[in-house]
Amino acid sequence: MKKHHFILLILVALVLLPSITEAQCAMCKASVESSQGQKNSVAGGINQGILYLMAVPYLLLAFIFRKQLVTVWRVIRKKPVAEEDL
């Protein structure tokens, strides 16, 4: 029974979370638009942050599945896969 309550709590939190975080988006959008033409603008920092946040999950997945990626790469290149190379 407690498991069902926990799942229900998580679902309610996920439903309510976008409405809580949506208020910040207008402030970020306004600051990006106001500093867009400047050399060291907020927009550049936000874009770099987005790229960083986007790259980290892909790097983690590549690190976790590195043996499978090496195997796939060698199959694509038509080289035999040696166990000691992995």
N, C-alpha and C. Protein backbone atom coordinates (compact mmCIF):
# COMPACT_ATOMS: atom_id res chain seq x y z
N MET A 1 0.82 -1.19 0.00
CA MET A 1 0.00 0.00 0.00
C MET A 1 0.87 1.26 0.00
N LYS A 2 1.97 1.24 0.74
CA LYS A 2 2.84 2.41 0.80
C LYS A 2 3.48 2.68 -0.56
N LYS A 3 3.71 1.61 -1.31
CA LYS A 3 4.31 1.77 -2.63
C LYS A 3 3.36 2.55 -3.55
N HIS A 4 2.08 2.28 -3.46
CA HIS A 4 1.10 2.98 -4.27
C HIS A 4 1.02 4.46 -3.89
N HIS A 5 1.14 4.75 -2.61
CA HIS A 5 1.13 6.15 -2.17
C HIS A 5 2.36 6.90 -2.68
N PHE A 6 3.50 6.22 -2.67
CA PHE A 6 4.73 6.83 -3.15
C PHE A 6 4.63 7.13 -4.65
N ILE A 7 4.12 6.18 -5.41
CA ILE A 7 3.96 6.38 -6.85
C ILE A 7 2.98 7.51 -7.12
N LEU A 8 1.91 7.56 -6.37
CA LEU A 8 0.93 8.63 -6.53
C LEU A 8 1.55 9.99 -6.20
N LEU A 9 2.36 10.04 -5.16
CA LEU A 9 3.04 11.28 -4.78
C LEU A 9 4.00 11.74 -5.88
N ILE A 10 4.72 10.82 -6.46
CA ILE A 10 5.64 11.16 -7.56
C ILE A 10 4.86 11.68 -8.77
N LEU A 11 3.75 11.04 -9.10
CA LEU A 11 2.93 11.49 -10.23
C LEU A 11 2.37 12.89 -10.00
N VAL A 12 1.91 13.15 -8.79
CA VAL A 12 1.38 14.48 -8.47
C VAL A 12 2.49 15.52 -8.56
N ALA A 13 3.67 15.19 -8.09
CA ALA A 13 4.80 16.11 -8.15
C ALA A 13 5.19 16.41 -9.60
N LEU A 14 5.16 15.39 -10.46
CA LEU A 14 5.49 15.60 -11.86
C LEU A 14 4.44 16.44 -12.58
N VAL A 15 3.20 16.31 -12.16
CA VAL A 15 2.14 17.12 -12.77
C VAL A 15 2.26 18.57 -12.32
N LEU A 16 2.58 18.80 -11.07
CA LEU A 16 2.64 20.16 -10.53
C LEU A 16 3.97 20.86 -10.81
N LEU A 17 5.02 20.12 -11.06
CA LEU A 17 6.35 20.70 -11.25
C LEU A 17 6.42 21.67 -12.43
N PRO A 18 5.86 21.38 -13.60
CA PRO A 18 5.97 22.36 -14.69
C PRO A 18 5.33 23.70 -14.36
N SER A 19 4.25 23.70 -13.63
CA SER A 19 3.61 24.98 -13.31
C SER A 19 4.46 25.79 -12.32
N ILE A 20 5.22 25.13 -11.49
CA ILE A 20 6.10 25.83 -10.55
C ILE A 20 7.30 26.42 -11.28
N THR A 21 7.90 25.65 -12.17
CA THR A 21 9.11 26.10 -12.85
C THR A 21 8.84 27.00 -14.03
N GLU A 22 7.64 27.06 -14.50
CA GLU A 22 7.31 27.88 -15.67
C GLU A 22 7.47 29.37 -15.38
N ALA A 23 7.30 29.78 -14.16
CA ALA A 23 7.41 31.20 -13.80
C ALA A 23 8.82 31.73 -14.05
N GLN A 24 9.82 30.92 -13.92
CA GLN A 24 11.19 31.35 -14.13
C GLN A 24 11.49 31.58 -15.60
N CYS A 25 10.81 30.89 -16.49
CA CYS A 25 11.11 31.00 -17.91
C CYS A 25 10.91 32.41 -18.44
N ALA A 26 9.91 33.11 -18.00
CA ALA A 26 9.68 34.48 -18.48
C ALA A 26 10.83 35.39 -18.07
N MET A 27 11.36 35.20 -16.88
CA MET A 27 12.47 36.03 -16.42
C MET A 27 13.73 35.72 -17.24
N CYS A 28 13.99 34.47 -17.50
CA CYS A 28 15.16 34.10 -18.30
C CYS A 28 15.02 34.64 -19.72
N LYS A 29 13.85 34.49 -20.28
CA LYS A 29 13.62 34.97 -21.65
C LYS A 29 13.83 36.48 -21.73
N ALA A 30 13.34 37.21 -20.76
CA ALA A 30 13.49 38.67 -20.76
C ALA A 30 14.95 39.08 -20.64
N SER A 31 15.71 38.40 -19.78
CA SER A 31 17.13 38.77 -19.63
C SER A 31 17.94 38.40 -20.86
N VAL A 32 17.58 37.32 -21.52
CA VAL A 32 18.29 36.94 -22.74
C VAL A 32 17.99 37.93 -23.86
N GLU A 33 16.73 38.30 -23.99
CA GLU A 33 16.36 39.23 -25.05
C GLU A 33 16.96 40.62 -24.84
N SER A 34 17.07 41.05 -23.60
CA SER A 34 17.61 42.39 -23.35
C SER A 34 19.12 42.46 -23.53
N SER A 35 19.83 41.37 -23.39
CA SER A 35 21.29 41.39 -23.51
C SER A 35 21.78 40.67 -24.75
N GLN A 36 20.94 40.50 -25.73
CA GLN A 36 21.30 39.71 -26.89
C GLN A 36 22.37 40.35 -27.76
N GLY A 37 22.39 41.66 -27.91
CA GLY A 37 23.34 42.32 -28.79
C GLY A 37 24.70 42.57 -28.17
N GLN A 38 24.87 42.36 -26.89
CA GLN A 38 26.12 42.67 -26.21
C GLN A 38 27.16 41.58 -26.46
N LYS A 39 28.44 41.93 -26.17
CA LYS A 39 29.52 40.98 -26.42
C LYS A 39 29.48 39.81 -25.42
N ASN A 40 29.53 40.08 -24.14
CA ASN A 40 29.44 39.05 -23.11
C ASN A 40 28.02 39.03 -22.56
N SER A 41 27.13 38.43 -23.30
CA SER A 41 25.72 38.50 -22.94
C SER A 41 25.30 37.28 -22.12
N VAL A 42 24.15 37.42 -21.53
CA VAL A 42 23.55 36.31 -20.78
C VAL A 42 23.17 35.20 -21.74
N ALA A 43 22.80 35.55 -22.96
CA ALA A 43 22.39 34.55 -23.95
C ALA A 43 23.51 33.56 -24.24
N GLY A 44 24.74 34.05 -24.33
CA GLY A 44 25.86 33.15 -24.56
C GLY A 44 26.06 32.17 -23.42
N GLY A 45 25.93 32.66 -22.20
CA GLY A 45 26.06 31.79 -21.04
C GLY A 45 24.95 30.75 -20.96
N ILE A 46 23.74 31.18 -21.27
CA ILE A 46 22.62 30.24 -21.25
C ILE A 46 22.79 29.19 -22.33
N ASN A 47 23.24 29.61 -23.51
CA ASN A 47 23.45 28.64 -24.59
C ASN A 47 24.55 27.64 -24.23
N GLN A 48 25.62 28.11 -23.60
CA GLN A 48 26.68 27.20 -23.18
C GLN A 48 26.18 26.24 -22.11
N GLY A 49 25.36 26.72 -21.20
CA GLY A 49 24.78 25.85 -20.18
C GLY A 49 23.88 24.80 -20.78
N ILE A 50 23.11 25.18 -21.78
CA ILE A 50 22.24 24.20 -22.45
C ILE A 50 23.07 23.14 -23.15
N LEU A 51 24.13 23.55 -23.82
CA LEU A 51 24.99 22.57 -24.49
C LEU A 51 25.65 21.63 -23.49
N TYR A 52 26.09 22.17 -22.36
CA TYR A 52 26.69 21.34 -21.32
C TYR A 52 25.68 20.32 -20.78
N LEU A 53 24.49 20.80 -20.47
CA LEU A 53 23.46 19.89 -19.96
C LEU A 53 23.04 18.87 -20.99
N MET A 54 23.12 19.21 -22.27
CA MET A 54 22.75 18.29 -23.32
C MET A 54 23.84 17.23 -23.53
N ALA A 55 25.10 17.58 -23.37
CA ALA A 55 26.20 16.68 -23.67
C ALA A 55 26.45 15.65 -22.57
N VAL A 56 26.21 15.99 -21.33
CA VAL A 56 26.54 15.12 -20.21
C VAL A 56 25.84 13.76 -20.28
N PRO A 57 24.54 13.67 -20.54
CA PRO A 57 23.91 12.34 -20.62
C PRO A 57 24.49 11.48 -21.74
N TYR A 58 24.82 12.09 -22.88
CA TYR A 58 25.40 11.32 -23.97
C TYR A 58 26.78 10.80 -23.61
N LEU A 59 27.57 11.60 -22.93
CA LEU A 59 28.89 11.14 -22.49
C LEU A 59 28.78 10.02 -21.46
N LEU A 60 27.83 10.13 -20.55
CA LEU A 60 27.62 9.06 -19.58
C LEU A 60 27.19 7.76 -20.25
N LEU A 61 26.30 7.85 -21.20
CA LEU A 61 25.87 6.65 -21.92
C LEU A 61 27.02 6.05 -22.71
N ALA A 62 27.83 6.88 -23.34
CA ALA A 62 28.98 6.39 -24.08
C ALA A 62 29.97 5.70 -23.15
N PHE A 63 30.16 6.23 -21.96
CA PHE A 63 31.07 5.61 -21.00
C PHE A 63 30.52 4.29 -20.50
N ILE A 64 29.23 4.22 -20.22
CA ILE A 64 28.62 3.00 -19.71
C ILE A 64 28.64 1.89 -20.77
N PHE A 65 28.35 2.24 -22.02
CA PHE A 65 28.24 1.24 -23.08
C PHE A 65 29.45 1.25 -24.00
N ARG A 66 30.62 1.55 -23.46
CA ARG A 66 31.80 1.68 -24.30
C ARG A 66 32.21 0.36 -24.97
N LYS A 67 32.05 -0.77 -24.29
CA LYS A 67 32.41 -2.05 -24.89
C LYS A 67 31.49 -2.38 -26.07
N GLN A 68 30.22 -2.10 -25.90
CA GLN A 68 29.29 -2.34 -26.99
C GLN A 68 29.55 -1.40 -28.16
N LEU A 69 29.93 -0.17 -27.86
CA LEU A 69 30.23 0.79 -28.93
C LEU A 69 31.47 0.38 -29.71
N VAL A 70 32.48 -0.15 -29.02
CA VAL A 70 33.69 -0.62 -29.70
C VAL A 70 33.34 -1.80 -30.60
N THR A 71 32.51 -2.70 -30.10
CA THR A 71 32.10 -3.86 -30.89
C THR A 71 31.34 -3.42 -32.14
N VAL A 72 30.41 -2.52 -31.98
CA VAL A 72 29.64 -2.02 -33.13
C VAL A 72 30.56 -1.31 -34.11
N TRP A 73 31.48 -0.51 -33.62
CA TRP A 73 32.41 0.21 -34.49
C TRP A 73 33.26 -0.77 -35.30
N ARG A 74 33.72 -1.83 -34.67
CA ARG A 74 34.55 -2.81 -35.39
C ARG A 74 33.74 -3.62 -36.38
N VAL A 75 32.50 -3.92 -36.05
CA VAL A 75 31.64 -4.62 -37.00
C VAL A 75 31.39 -3.74 -38.22
N ILE A 76 31.19 -2.47 -37.99
CA ILE A 76 30.97 -1.54 -39.10
C ILE A 76 32.21 -1.47 -39.98
N ARG A 77 33.36 -1.45 -39.36
CA ARG A 77 34.61 -1.37 -40.11
C ARG A 77 35.09 -2.72 -40.61
N LYS A 78 34.35 -3.80 -40.32
CA LYS A 78 34.64 -5.17 -40.76
C LYS A 78 35.95 -5.72 -40.21
N LYS A 79 36.28 -5.34 -38.97
CA LYS A 79 37.46 -5.90 -38.32
C LYS A 79 36.99 -6.93 -37.30
N PRO A 80 37.78 -7.98 -37.13
CA PRO A 80 37.40 -8.95 -36.10
C PRO A 80 37.57 -8.36 -34.69
N VAL A 81 36.68 -8.75 -33.80
CA VAL A 81 36.69 -8.24 -32.43
C VAL A 81 37.51 -9.19 -31.57
N ALA A 82 38.57 -8.68 -30.98
CA ALA A 82 39.39 -9.47 -30.07
C ALA A 82 39.01 -9.14 -28.64
N GLU A 83 38.89 -10.14 -27.80
CA GLU A 83 38.45 -9.94 -26.41
C GLU A 83 39.46 -9.13 -25.60
N GLU A 84 40.76 -9.27 -25.87
CA GLU A 84 41.73 -8.55 -25.07
C GLU A 84 41.77 -7.07 -25.43
N ASP A 85 41.23 -6.67 -26.58
CA ASP A 85 41.17 -5.25 -26.94
C ASP A 85 40.10 -4.51 -26.19
N LEU A 86 39.10 -5.23 -25.72
CA LEU A 86 38.01 -4.57 -24.99
C LEU A 86 38.47 -4.34 -23.61
